[in-house]
Amino acid sequence: MQLLSPTLKELSLHGTKSFPCAIYQTRSLGKGPLIKHHWHDEVEILYFFGGDFRLEINMEQFFVHSEALYFINPGELHSIYTEEAGSPGEDAIVFSLGALSFDSYDAAQMQLIQPIQNGKLLFPRCLLPDHPGFAPIREAFSETMRSFGHPLDEKNPLEYGAVTDDLTNQLFIKSYLLRILAILSHYQLFTPTERNLDKRVESLKKVLTYIRENYKEKIYIQDLADQVHMNEQYFCRFFKKSIGRTPMEYINEYRIKQAMRLLEETDLPVTEVCLECGYNNLGNFLRAFKKYTETTPLKYRIQKVNIS
């Protein structure tokens, strides 16, 4: 489960303090949110091996319909939605560039790793199978995953993460990650940039944070617009363009995700779950829950109990 700060920064430690690198395997249960909006200081490499997903990064949406590699730069707000029930999921490697740094400050450190750390050099957004660099990077990605030595957790087949303290494994992992950087550099896929934080992205983070902190209360569009000093009409266009859904659609979706969590983790009656998630009308809650889950709260709870 993701742990997020009030600013949507992921608080979970990726890897260990001595080796900040971890792998994650996330499998889709059905249509809807797979990974909620968050950001972190580490680089993330995502591998989709099929299915239909919508990947949102900062202000852009990317629709994934087949095998693909995506790269998330440090500090980028991102989320993943499953667009089609039955889509398999994704694998991810999340690592700090500090794990690959060189004390000697050689050319790789000065011309590649340090500029990426400083935001002056960006990873490519996406690589598809028709690019000559795709196959060798996919191979290095797969070898990195295997070096952690852990299969998908059978007790929780939908999500799994792994770290390693084994010296030999760490050496192999570092070599594979450096190979990925080398291939990207060989094909000149890094993009130089003067890091200029997009104010629109910061505005979006602020609004999403407000929703997460206040979803239990009545939220008006004007409340959200006030957070970023916009009028309601402009704000609604801004939000829809950024997220792909209206503000109220996103709020309802977030509330239902919280309801699902409460149904799984607590014994609260459905009426209390309804109130805890910002719904003052049970009928509205039941309709919204069925819209997003295609079942009722009671059936959802029973299903989860039987699975566990």
C-alpha atoms as a PDB file:
ATOM      1  CA  MET A   1       0.000   0.000   0.000  1.00  0.00           C
ATOM      2  CA  GLN A   2       1.274   3.453  -0.906  1.00  0.00           C
ATOM      3  CA  LEU A   3       2.070   5.822   1.956  1.00  0.00           C
ATOM      4  CA  LEU A   4       1.732   9.446   0.845  1.00  0.00           C
ATOM      5  CA  SER A   5       2.629  12.730   2.477  1.00  0.00           C
ATOM      6  CA  PRO A   6       0.122  15.628   2.384  1.00  0.00           C
ATOM      7  CA  THR A   7       1.918  16.821  -0.789  1.00  0.00           C
ATOM      8  CA  LEU A   8       1.343  13.429  -2.534  1.00  0.00           C
ATOM      9  CA  LYS A   9       5.015  12.534  -2.151  1.00  0.00           C
ATOM     10  CA  GLU A  10       5.393   8.807  -1.618  1.00  0.00           C
ATOM     11  CA  LEU A  11       6.838   8.143   1.835  1.00  0.00           C
ATOM     12  CA  SER A  12       7.667   4.479   1.319  1.00  0.00           C
ATOM     13  CA  LEU A  13      11.378   3.690   1.278  1.00  0.00           C
ATOM     14  CA  HIS A  14      12.349   2.272  -2.115  1.00  0.00           C
ATOM     15  CA  GLY A  15      14.972  -0.342  -1.357  1.00  0.00           C
ATOM     16  CA  THR A  16      17.154   0.024   1.732  1.00  0.00           C
ATOM     17  CA  LYS A  17      19.130   2.968   3.084  1.00  0.00           C
ATOM     18  CA  SER A  18      22.363   1.402   1.872  1.00  0.00           C
ATOM     19  CA  PHE A  19      20.926   0.258  -1.484  1.00  0.00           C
ATOM     20  CA  PRO A  20      18.002   2.476  -2.578  1.00  0.00           C
ATOM     21  CA  CYS A  21      16.540   0.293  -5.285  1.00  0.00           C
ATOM     22  CA  ALA A  22      13.412  -1.870  -5.320  1.00  0.00           C
ATOM     23  CA  ILE A  23      11.178  -3.725  -7.744  1.00  0.00           C
ATOM     24  CA  TYR A  24       7.387  -3.844  -7.819  1.00  0.00           C
ATOM     25  CA  GLN A  25       4.909  -6.067  -9.604  1.00  0.00           C
ATOM     26  CA  THR A  26       1.323  -4.835  -9.734  1.00  0.00           C
ATOM     27  CA  ARG A  27      -1.482  -6.865 -11.225  1.00  0.00           C
ATOM     28  CA  SER A  28      -4.871  -5.516 -12.245  1.00  0.00           C
ATOM     29  CA  LEU A  29      -8.049  -6.718 -10.546  1.00  0.00           C
ATOM     30  CA  GLY A  30     -10.366  -4.897 -12.933  1.00  0.00           C
ATOM     31  CA  LYS A  31     -11.064  -1.614 -14.654  1.00  0.00           C
ATOM     32  CA  GLY A  32     -10.164   1.469 -12.589  1.00  0.00           C
ATOM     33  CA  PRO A  33      -7.230   2.972 -10.651  1.00  0.00           C
ATOM     34  CA  LEU A  34      -4.183   0.715 -10.450  1.00  0.00           C
ATOM     35  CA  ILE A  35      -1.656   3.160  -8.965  1.00  0.00           C
ATOM     36  CA  LYS A  36      -2.977   6.435  -7.505  1.00  0.00           C
ATOM     37  CA  HIS A  37      -1.398   9.847  -8.068  1.00  0.00           C
ATOM     38  CA  HIS A  38       1.946  10.270  -6.329  1.00  0.00           C
ATOM     39  CA  TRP A  39       5.530  11.401  -6.903  1.00  0.00           C
ATOM     40  CA  HIS A  40       8.958  10.548  -5.523  1.00  0.00           C
ATOM     41  CA  ASP A  41      12.576  11.618  -5.799  1.00  0.00           C
ATOM     42  CA  GLU A  42      13.674   8.371  -7.455  1.00  0.00           C
ATOM     43  CA  VAL A  43      13.693   7.317 -11.103  1.00  0.00           C
ATOM     44  CA  GLU A  44      11.053   4.760 -12.084  1.00  0.00           C
ATOM     45  CA  ILE A  45      11.106   2.461 -15.100  1.00  0.00           C
ATOM     46  CA  LEU A  46       7.773   0.851 -15.980  1.00  0.00           C
ATOM     47  CA  TYR A  47       7.317  -2.184 -18.186  1.00  0.00           C
ATOM     48  CA  PHE A  48       3.865  -2.937 -19.592  1.00  0.00           C
ATOM     49  CA  PHE A  49       3.612  -6.326 -21.246  1.00  0.00           C
ATOM     50  CA  GLY A  50       0.160  -5.891 -22.740  1.00  0.00           C
ATOM     51  CA  GLY A  51      -3.370  -4.864 -21.837  1.00  0.00           C
ATOM     52  CA  ASP A  52      -5.034  -1.454 -21.879  1.00  0.00           C
ATOM     53  CA  PHE A  53      -3.861   1.224 -19.457  1.00  0.00           C
ATOM     54  CA  ARG A  54      -3.912   4.989 -19.102  1.00  0.00           C
ATOM     55  CA  LEU A  55      -0.708   6.385 -17.665  1.00  0.00           C
ATOM     56  CA  GLU A  56      -0.890   9.974 -16.427  1.00  0.00           C
ATOM     57  CA  ILE A  57       2.363  11.909 -15.999  1.00  0.00           C
ATOM     58  CA  ASN A  58       2.176  15.553 -14.973  1.00  0.00           C
ATOM     59  CA  MET A  59      -0.217  17.128 -17.463  1.00  0.00           C
ATOM     60  CA  GLU A  60      -0.109  14.370 -20.085  1.00  0.00           C
ATOM     61  CA  GLN A  61      -2.033  11.155 -20.635  1.00  0.00           C
ATOM     62  CA  PHE A  62      -0.519   8.129 -22.362  1.00  0.00           C
ATOM     63  CA  PHE A  63      -2.637   5.212 -23.522  1.00  0.00           C
ATOM     64  CA  VAL A  64      -0.831   1.885 -23.374  1.00  0.00           C
ATOM     65  CA  HIS A  65      -2.274  -0.864 -25.571  1.00  0.00           C
ATOM     66  CA  SER A  66       0.711  -3.151 -26.043  1.00  0.00           C
ATOM     67  CA  GLU A  67       4.217  -3.874 -24.809  1.00  0.00           C
ATOM     68  CA  ALA A  68       6.055  -0.699 -23.807  1.00  0.00           C
ATOM     69  CA  LEU A  69       8.675   0.830 -21.513  1.00  0.00           C
ATOM     70  CA  TYR A  70       7.989   4.147 -19.770  1.00  0.00           C
ATOM     71  CA  PHE A  71      10.354   6.313 -17.734  1.00  0.00           C
ATOM     72  CA  ILE A  72       9.348   8.522 -14.796  1.00  0.00           C
ATOM     73  CA  ASN A  73      11.777  11.301 -13.909  1.00  0.00           C
ATOM     74  CA  PRO A  74      12.297  12.372 -10.273  1.00  0.00           C
ATOM     75  CA  GLY A  75       9.505  14.612  -8.987  1.00  0.00           C
ATOM     76  CA  GLU A  76       6.970  13.797 -11.715  1.00  0.00           C
ATOM     77  CA  LEU A  77       3.367  13.307 -10.612  1.00  0.00           C
ATOM     78  CA  HIS A  78       2.049  10.058 -12.047  1.00  0.00           C
ATOM     79  CA  SER A  79      -0.712   7.457 -11.807  1.00  0.00           C
ATOM     80  CA  ILE A  80      -1.922   4.377 -13.694  1.00  0.00           C
ATOM     81  CA  TYR A  81      -5.483   3.378 -14.573  1.00  0.00           C
ATOM     82  CA  THR A  82      -6.640   0.075 -15.995  1.00  0.00           C
ATOM     83  CA  GLU A  83      -8.827   0.787 -19.020  1.00  0.00           C
ATOM     84  CA  GLU A  84      -9.960  -2.765 -19.742  1.00  0.00           C
ATOM     85  CA  ALA A  85     -10.837  -5.558 -17.319  1.00  0.00           C
ATOM     86  CA  GLY A  86      -8.441  -8.467 -17.748  1.00  0.00           C
ATOM     87  CA  SER A  87      -5.395  -6.302 -18.452  1.00  0.00           C
ATOM     88  CA  PRO A  88      -2.413  -7.976 -16.774  1.00  0.00           C
ATOM     89  CA  GLY A  89      -0.524  -5.211 -14.975  1.00  0.00           C
ATOM     90  CA  GLU A  90       2.953  -3.729 -14.909  1.00  0.00           C
ATOM     91  CA  ASP A  91       6.429  -4.249 -13.482  1.00  0.00           C
ATOM     92  CA  ALA A  92       8.507  -1.398 -12.111  1.00  0.00           C
ATOM     93  CA  ILE A  93      12.047  -0.670 -10.984  1.00  0.00           C
ATOM     94  CA  VAL A  94      12.392   2.334  -8.680  1.00  0.00           C
ATOM     95  CA  PHE A  95      15.895   3.492  -7.834  1.00  0.00           C
ATOM     96  CA  SER A  96      17.845   6.452  -6.563  1.00  0.00           C
ATOM     97  CA  LEU A  97      20.520   7.705  -8.898  1.00  0.00           C
ATOM     98  CA  GLY A  98      22.750   7.910  -5.834  1.00  0.00           C
ATOM     99  CA  ALA A  99      22.990   4.116  -5.971  1.00  0.00           C
ATOM    100  CA  LEU A 100      24.828   4.466  -9.307  1.00  0.00           C
ATOM    101  CA  SER A 101      27.035   7.440  -8.429  1.00  0.00           C
ATOM    102  CA  PHE A 102      30.823   7.429  -8.770  1.00  0.00           C
ATOM    103  CA  ASP A 103      33.031   9.059  -6.134  1.00  0.00           C
ATOM    104  CA  SER A 104      35.717   9.497  -8.763  1.00  0.00           C
ATOM    105  CA  TYR A 105      33.546  11.979 -10.681  1.00  0.00           C
ATOM    106  CA  ASP A 106      34.359  10.444 -14.028  1.00  0.00           C
ATOM    107  CA  ALA A 107      32.635  11.386 -17.289  1.00  0.00           C
ATOM    108  CA  ALA A 108      29.594   9.208 -16.540  1.00  0.00           C
ATOM    109  CA  GLN A 109      29.120  10.950 -13.209  1.00  0.00           C
ATOM    110  CA  MET A 110      29.629  14.492 -14.492  1.00  0.00           C
ATOM    111  CA  GLN A 111      27.942  14.266 -17.896  1.00  0.00           C
ATOM    112  CA  LEU A 112      25.086  11.860 -17.181  1.00  0.00           C
ATOM    113  CA  ILE A 113      24.244  10.902 -13.597  1.00  0.00           C
ATOM    114  CA  GLN A 114      24.719  14.310 -11.993  1.00  0.00           C
ATOM    115  CA  PRO A 115      22.764  16.211 -14.703  1.00  0.00           C
ATOM    116  CA  ILE A 116      19.877  13.748 -14.273  1.00  0.00           C
ATOM    117  CA  GLN A 117      19.989  14.278 -10.511  1.00  0.00           C
ATOM    118  CA  ASN A 118      19.981  18.042 -11.003  1.00  0.00           C
ATOM    119  CA  GLY A 119      17.076  17.913 -13.447  1.00  0.00           C
ATOM    120  CA  LYS A 120      19.126  19.156 -16.395  1.00  0.00           C
ATOM    121  CA  LEU A 121      18.800  15.873 -18.262  1.00  0.00           C
ATOM    122  CA  LEU A 122      15.550  13.918 -18.640  1.00  0.00           C
ATOM    123  CA  PHE A 123      14.848  10.295 -19.490  1.00  0.00           C
ATOM    124  CA  PRO A 124      12.824   9.641 -22.646  1.00  0.00           C
ATOM    125  CA  ARG A 125       9.150   9.279 -21.902  1.00  0.00           C
ATOM    126  CA  CYS A 126       8.577   6.011 -23.740  1.00  0.00           C
ATOM    127  CA  LEU A 127      10.242   3.263 -25.763  1.00  0.00           C
ATOM    128  CA  LEU A 128       8.291   0.908 -28.018  1.00  0.00           C
ATOM    129  CA  PRO A 129       9.397  -2.431 -29.537  1.00  0.00           C
ATOM    130  CA  ASP A 130      10.188  -0.896 -32.926  1.00  0.00           C
ATOM    131  CA  HIS A 131      13.053   1.160 -31.444  1.00  0.00           C
ATOM    132  CA  PRO A 132      16.472  -0.555 -31.656  1.00  0.00           C
ATOM    133  CA  GLY A 133      17.143   0.251 -28.004  1.00  0.00           C
ATOM    134  CA  PHE A 134      13.969  -1.429 -26.767  1.00  0.00           C
ATOM    135  CA  ALA A 135      15.088  -5.072 -26.844  1.00  0.00           C
ATOM    136  CA  PRO A 136      18.417  -4.616 -25.010  1.00  0.00           C
ATOM    137  CA  ILE A 137      16.787  -2.363 -22.383  1.00  0.00           C
ATOM    138  CA  ARG A 138      13.958  -4.845 -21.877  1.00  0.00           C
ATOM    139  CA  GLU A 139      16.560  -7.585 -21.417  1.00  0.00           C
ATOM    140  CA  ALA A 140      18.463  -5.503 -18.834  1.00  0.00           C
ATOM    141  CA  PHE A 141      15.148  -4.682 -17.135  1.00  0.00           C
ATOM    142  CA  SER A 142      14.249  -8.388 -16.921  1.00  0.00           C
ATOM    143  CA  GLU A 143      17.695  -9.296 -15.582  1.00  0.00           C
ATOM    144  CA  THR A 144      17.327  -6.612 -12.923  1.00  0.00           C
ATOM    145  CA  MET A 145      13.977  -8.063 -11.847  1.00  0.00           C
ATOM    146  CA  ARG A 146      15.426 -11.571 -11.709  1.00  0.00           C
ATOM    147  CA  SER A 147      18.413 -10.408  -9.660  1.00  0.00           C
ATOM    148  CA  PHE A 148      16.108  -9.638  -6.736  1.00  0.00           C
ATOM    149  CA  GLY A 149      15.299 -13.347  -6.638  1.00  0.00           C
ATOM    150  CA  HIS A 150      11.626 -13.054  -5.718  1.00  0.00           C
ATOM    151  CA  PRO A 151       8.540 -14.233  -7.606  1.00  0.00           C
ATOM    152  CA  LEU A 152       5.157 -12.546  -7.416  1.00  0.00           C
ATOM    153  CA  ASP A 153       3.832 -13.047  -3.872  1.00  0.00           C
ATOM    154  CA  GLU A 154       1.219 -15.820  -3.935  1.00  0.00           C
ATOM    155  CA  LYS A 155      -0.408 -14.477  -0.736  1.00  0.00           C
ATOM    156  CA  ASN A 156      -1.028 -11.119  -2.398  1.00  0.00           C
ATOM    157  CA  PRO A 157      -1.122 -11.784  -6.153  1.00  0.00           C
ATOM    158  CA  LEU A 158      -2.090  -8.211  -6.995  1.00  0.00           C
ATOM    159  CA  GLU A 159       0.902  -6.313  -5.633  1.00  0.00           C
ATOM    160  CA  TYR A 160       4.417  -7.222  -4.594  1.00  0.00           C
ATOM    161  CA  GLY A 161       7.671  -5.432  -3.899  1.00  0.00           C
ATOM    162  CA  ALA A 162      11.176  -6.685  -3.179  1.00  0.00           C
ATOM    163  CA  VAL A 163      14.529  -5.375  -1.974  1.00  0.00           C
ATOM    164  CA  THR A 164      17.870  -7.131  -1.597  1.00  0.00           C
ATOM    165  CA  ASP A 165      20.802  -6.914   0.801  1.00  0.00           C
ATOM    166  CA  ASP A 166      22.842  -9.517  -1.052  1.00  0.00           C
ATOM    167  CA  LEU A 167      26.133  -8.030  -2.294  1.00  0.00           C
ATOM    168  CA  THR A 168      26.301 -10.128  -5.451  1.00  0.00           C
ATOM    169  CA  ASN A 169      22.721  -9.291  -6.376  1.00  0.00           C
ATOM    170  CA  GLN A 170      23.383  -5.601  -5.820  1.00  0.00           C
ATOM    171  CA  LEU A 171      26.423  -5.677  -8.097  1.00  0.00           C
ATOM    172  CA  PHE A 172      24.411  -7.324 -10.866  1.00  0.00           C
ATOM    173  CA  ILE A 173      21.549  -4.843 -10.397  1.00  0.00           C
ATOM    174  CA  LYS A 174      23.869  -1.841 -10.594  1.00  0.00           C
ATOM    175  CA  SER A 175      25.482  -3.232 -13.729  1.00  0.00           C
ATOM    176  CA  TYR A 176      22.095  -3.758 -15.425  1.00  0.00           C
ATOM    177  CA  LEU A 177      20.859  -0.274 -14.500  1.00  0.00           C
ATOM    178  CA  LEU A 178      24.089   1.260 -15.794  1.00  0.00           C
ATOM    179  CA  ARG A 179      23.614  -0.746 -18.976  1.00  0.00           C
ATOM    180  CA  ILE A 180      20.154   0.812 -19.382  1.00  0.00           C
ATOM    181  CA  LEU A 181      21.687   4.276 -18.990  1.00  0.00           C
ATOM    182  CA  ALA A 182      24.412   3.372 -21.483  1.00  0.00           C
ATOM    183  CA  ILE A 183      21.893   2.205 -24.101  1.00  0.00           C
ATOM    184  CA  LEU A 184      19.801   5.351 -23.674  1.00  0.00           C
ATOM    185  CA  SER A 185      22.948   7.445 -23.996  1.00  0.00           C
ATOM    186  CA  HIS A 186      24.093   5.487 -27.065  1.00  0.00           C
ATOM    187  CA  TYR A 187      20.853   6.285 -28.858  1.00  0.00           C
ATOM    188  CA  GLN A 188      20.948   9.893 -27.588  1.00  0.00           C
ATOM    189  CA  LEU A 189      17.595   9.515 -25.882  1.00  0.00           C
ATOM    190  CA  PHE A 190      18.246  11.783 -22.911  1.00  0.00           C
ATOM    191  CA  THR A 191      16.773  15.266 -23.336  1.00  0.00           C
ATOM    192  CA  PRO A 192      18.651  18.295 -22.027  1.00  0.00           C
ATOM    193  CA  THR A 193      16.515  20.816 -20.208  1.00  0.00           C
ATOM    194  CA  GLU A 194      16.801  23.748 -17.903  1.00  0.00           C
ATOM    195  CA  ARG A 195      14.682  22.446 -15.063  1.00  0.00           C
ATOM    196  CA  ASN A 196      11.780  24.833 -14.813  1.00  0.00           C
ATOM    197  CA  LEU A 197       9.006  23.428 -12.654  1.00  0.00           C
ATOM    198  CA  ASP A 198       5.685  23.603 -14.429  1.00  0.00           C
ATOM    199  CA  LYS A 199       3.347  25.742 -12.314  1.00  0.00           C
ATOM    200  CA  ARG A 200       0.397  23.819 -13.666  1.00  0.00           C
ATOM    201  CA  VAL A 201       1.786  20.580 -12.245  1.00  0.00           C
ATOM    202  CA  GLU A 202       2.303  22.211  -8.848  1.00  0.00           C
ATOM    203  CA  SER A 203      -1.258  23.525  -9.006  1.00  0.00           C
ATOM    204  CA  LEU A 204      -2.527  20.042  -9.780  1.00  0.00           C
ATOM    205  CA  LYS A 205      -0.596  18.570  -6.839  1.00  0.00           C
ATOM    206  CA  LYS A 206      -2.125  21.223  -4.564  1.00  0.00           C
ATOM    207  CA  VAL A 207      -5.695  20.438  -5.678  1.00  0.00           C
ATOM    208  CA  LEU A 208      -5.273  16.659  -5.371  1.00  0.00           C
ATOM    209  CA  THR A 209      -3.771  17.130  -1.916  1.00  0.00           C
ATOM    210  CA  TYR A 210      -6.766  19.229  -0.876  1.00  0.00           C
ATOM    211  CA  ILE A 211      -9.139  16.486  -2.049  1.00  0.00           C
ATOM    212  CA  ARG A 212      -7.255  13.804  -0.128  1.00  0.00           C
ATOM    213  CA  GLU A 213      -7.282  15.886   3.046  1.00  0.00           C
ATOM    214  CA  ASN A 214     -10.955  16.904   2.820  1.00  0.00           C
ATOM    215  CA  TYR A 215     -12.777  14.064   1.028  1.00  0.00           C
ATOM    216  CA  LYS A 216     -14.791  13.291   4.182  1.00  0.00           C
ATOM    217  CA  GLU A 217     -16.370  16.750   4.027  1.00  0.00           C
ATOM    218  CA  LYS A 218     -18.567  18.476   1.472  1.00  0.00           C
ATOM    219  CA  ILE A 219     -16.297  19.775  -1.304  1.00  0.00           C
ATOM    220  CA  TYR A 220     -17.457  22.502  -3.675  1.00  0.00           C
ATOM    221  CA  ILE A 221     -15.833  23.286  -7.000  1.00  0.00           C
ATOM    222  CA  GLN A 222     -15.183  26.799  -5.741  1.00  0.00           C
ATOM    223  CA  ASP A 223     -13.162  25.341  -2.834  1.00  0.00           C
ATOM    224  CA  LEU A 224     -10.866  23.627  -5.334  1.00  0.00           C
ATOM    225  CA  ALA A 225     -10.650  26.625  -7.651  1.00  0.00           C
ATOM    226  CA  ASP A 226      -9.686  28.835  -4.720  1.00  0.00           C
ATOM    227  CA  GLN A 227      -6.685  26.619  -3.995  1.00  0.00           C
ATOM    228  CA  VAL A 228      -5.082  27.644  -7.284  1.00  0.00           C
ATOM    229  CA  HIS A 229      -6.637  31.110  -7.665  1.00  0.00           C
ATOM    230  CA  MET A 230      -8.794  30.273 -10.695  1.00  0.00           C
ATOM    231  CA  ASN A 231     -12.430  30.905 -11.475  1.00  0.00           C
ATOM    232  CA  GLU A 232     -14.689  27.827 -11.483  1.00  0.00           C
ATOM    233  CA  GLN A 233     -15.107  27.601 -15.259  1.00  0.00           C
ATOM    234  CA  TYR A 234     -11.403  27.833 -16.030  1.00  0.00           C
ATOM    235  CA  PHE A 235     -10.560  25.463 -13.176  1.00  0.00           C
ATOM    236  CA  CYS A 236     -12.946  22.774 -14.456  1.00  0.00           C
ATOM    237  CA  ARG A 237     -11.351  22.924 -17.919  1.00  0.00           C
ATOM    238  CA  PHE A 238      -7.879  22.835 -16.364  1.00  0.00           C
ATOM    239  CA  PHE A 239      -8.727  19.820 -14.187  1.00  0.00           C
ATOM    240  CA  LYS A 240     -10.472  17.861 -16.962  1.00  0.00           C
ATOM    241  CA  LYS A 241      -7.551  18.432 -19.319  1.00  0.00           C
ATOM    242  CA  SER A 242      -5.037  17.398 -16.646  1.00  0.00           C
ATOM    243  CA  ILE A 243      -6.765  14.330 -15.192  1.00  0.00           C
ATOM    244  CA  GLY A 244      -9.162  13.266 -17.926  1.00  0.00           C
ATOM    245  CA  ARG A 245     -12.153  13.446 -15.552  1.00  0.00           C
ATOM    246  CA  THR A 246     -14.207  16.226 -14.029  1.00  0.00           C
ATOM    247  CA  PRO A 247     -13.388  17.290 -10.455  1.00  0.00           C
ATOM    248  CA  MET A 248     -16.523  15.590  -9.087  1.00  0.00           C
ATOM    249  CA  GLU A 249     -15.796  12.373 -10.995  1.00  0.00           C
ATOM    250  CA  TYR A 250     -12.319  12.302  -9.453  1.00  0.00           C
ATOM    251  CA  ILE A 251     -13.674  13.073  -5.951  1.00  0.00           C
ATOM    252  CA  ASN A 252     -16.287  10.311  -6.183  1.00  0.00           C
ATOM    253  CA  GLU A 253     -13.707   7.872  -7.501  1.00  0.00           C
ATOM    254  CA  TYR A 254     -11.353   8.716  -4.625  1.00  0.00           C
ATOM    255  CA  ARG A 255     -14.130   8.387  -2.042  1.00  0.00           C
ATOM    256  CA  ILE A 256     -15.111   4.965  -3.377  1.00  0.00           C
ATOM    257  CA  LYS A 257     -11.461   3.828  -3.212  1.00  0.00           C
ATOM    258  CA  GLN A 258     -11.448   4.837   0.471  1.00  0.00           C
ATOM    259  CA  ALA A 259     -14.716   2.977   0.990  1.00  0.00           C
ATOM    260  CA  MET A 260     -13.228  -0.154  -0.570  1.00  0.00           C
ATOM    261  CA  ARG A 261     -10.270   0.125   1.810  1.00  0.00           C
ATOM    262  CA  LEU A 262     -12.558   0.481   4.852  1.00  0.00           C
ATOM    263  CA  LEU A 263     -14.675  -2.481   3.758  1.00  0.00           C
ATOM    264  CA  GLU A 264     -11.528  -4.593   3.451  1.00  0.00           C
ATOM    265  CA  GLU A 265      -9.720  -3.462   6.602  1.00  0.00           C
ATOM    266  CA  THR A 266     -12.513  -2.724   9.123  1.00  0.00           C
ATOM    267  CA  ASP A 267     -15.830  -4.120  10.350  1.00  0.00           C
ATOM    268  CA  LEU A 268     -17.617  -0.775  10.088  1.00  0.00           C
ATOM    269  CA  PRO A 269     -21.265  -1.061   8.963  1.00  0.00           C
ATOM    270  CA  VAL A 270     -21.946   0.137   5.429  1.00  0.00           C
ATOM    271  CA  THR A 271     -23.801   3.194   6.754  1.00  0.00           C
ATOM    272  CA  GLU A 272     -20.711   4.281   8.707  1.00  0.00           C
ATOM    273  CA  VAL A 273     -18.440   3.619   5.725  1.00  0.00           C
ATOM    274  CA  CYS A 274     -20.784   5.832   3.716  1.00  0.00           C
ATOM    275  CA  LEU A 275     -20.430   8.715   6.181  1.00  0.00           C
ATOM    276  CA  GLU A 276     -16.674   8.211   6.626  1.00  0.00           C
ATOM    277  CA  CYS A 277     -16.162   8.657   2.899  1.00  0.00           C
ATOM    278  CA  GLY A 278     -18.032  11.920   2.519  1.00  0.00           C
ATOM    279  CA  TYR A 279     -21.473  10.662   1.494  1.00  0.00           C
ATOM    280  CA  ASN A 280     -24.421  11.984   3.497  1.00  0.00           C
ATOM    281  CA  ASN A 281     -26.945   9.960   1.522  1.00  0.00           C
ATOM    282  CA  LEU A 282     -26.794   6.163   1.554  1.00  0.00           C
ATOM    283  CA  GLY A 283     -28.606   5.868  -1.775  1.00  0.00           C
ATOM    284  CA  ASN A 284     -26.063   8.113  -3.508  1.00  0.00           C
ATOM    285  CA  PHE A 285     -23.237   6.100  -1.957  1.00  0.00           C
ATOM    286  CA  LEU A 286     -24.666   2.753  -3.108  1.00  0.00           C
ATOM    287  CA  ARG A 287     -25.167   4.050  -6.662  1.00  0.00           C
ATOM    288  CA  ALA A 288     -21.638   5.469  -6.812  1.00  0.00           C
ATOM    289  CA  PHE A 289     -20.131   2.294  -5.363  1.00  0.00           C
ATOM    290  CA  LYS A 290     -21.879   0.096  -7.924  1.00  0.00           C
ATOM    291  CA  LYS A 291     -20.862   2.447 -10.740  1.00  0.00           C
ATOM    292  CA  TYR A 292     -17.161   2.102  -9.920  1.00  0.00           C
ATOM    293  CA  THR A 293     -17.067  -1.535  -8.714  1.00  0.00           C
ATOM    294  CA  GLU A 294     -20.066  -3.162 -10.449  1.00  0.00           C
ATOM    295  CA  THR A 295     -21.136  -4.672  -7.129  1.00  0.00           C
ATOM    296  CA  THR A 296     -22.577  -3.653  -3.749  1.00  0.00           C
ATOM    297  CA  PRO A 297     -20.529  -2.831  -0.622  1.00  0.00           C
ATOM    298  CA  LEU A 298     -21.709  -5.981   1.184  1.00  0.00           C
ATOM    299  CA  LYS A 299     -20.906  -8.259  -1.752  1.00  0.00           C
ATOM    300  CA  TYR A 300     -17.521  -6.556  -2.129  1.00  0.00           C
ATOM    301  CA  ARG A 301     -16.699  -7.185   1.547  1.00  0.00           C
ATOM    302  CA  ILE A 302     -17.775 -10.841   1.343  1.00  0.00           C
ATOM    303  CA  GLN A 303     -15.713 -11.336  -1.819  1.00  0.00           C
ATOM    304  CA  LYS A 304     -12.613  -9.875  -0.164  1.00  0.00           C
ATOM    305  CA  VAL A 305     -13.079 -12.002   2.967  1.00  0.00           C
ATOM    306  CA  ASN A 306     -13.375 -15.164   0.863  1.00  0.00           C
ATOM    307  CA  ILE A 307     -10.225 -14.275  -1.122  1.00  0.00           C
ATOM    308  CA  SER A 308      -8.158 -13.705   2.026  1.00  0.00           C
END
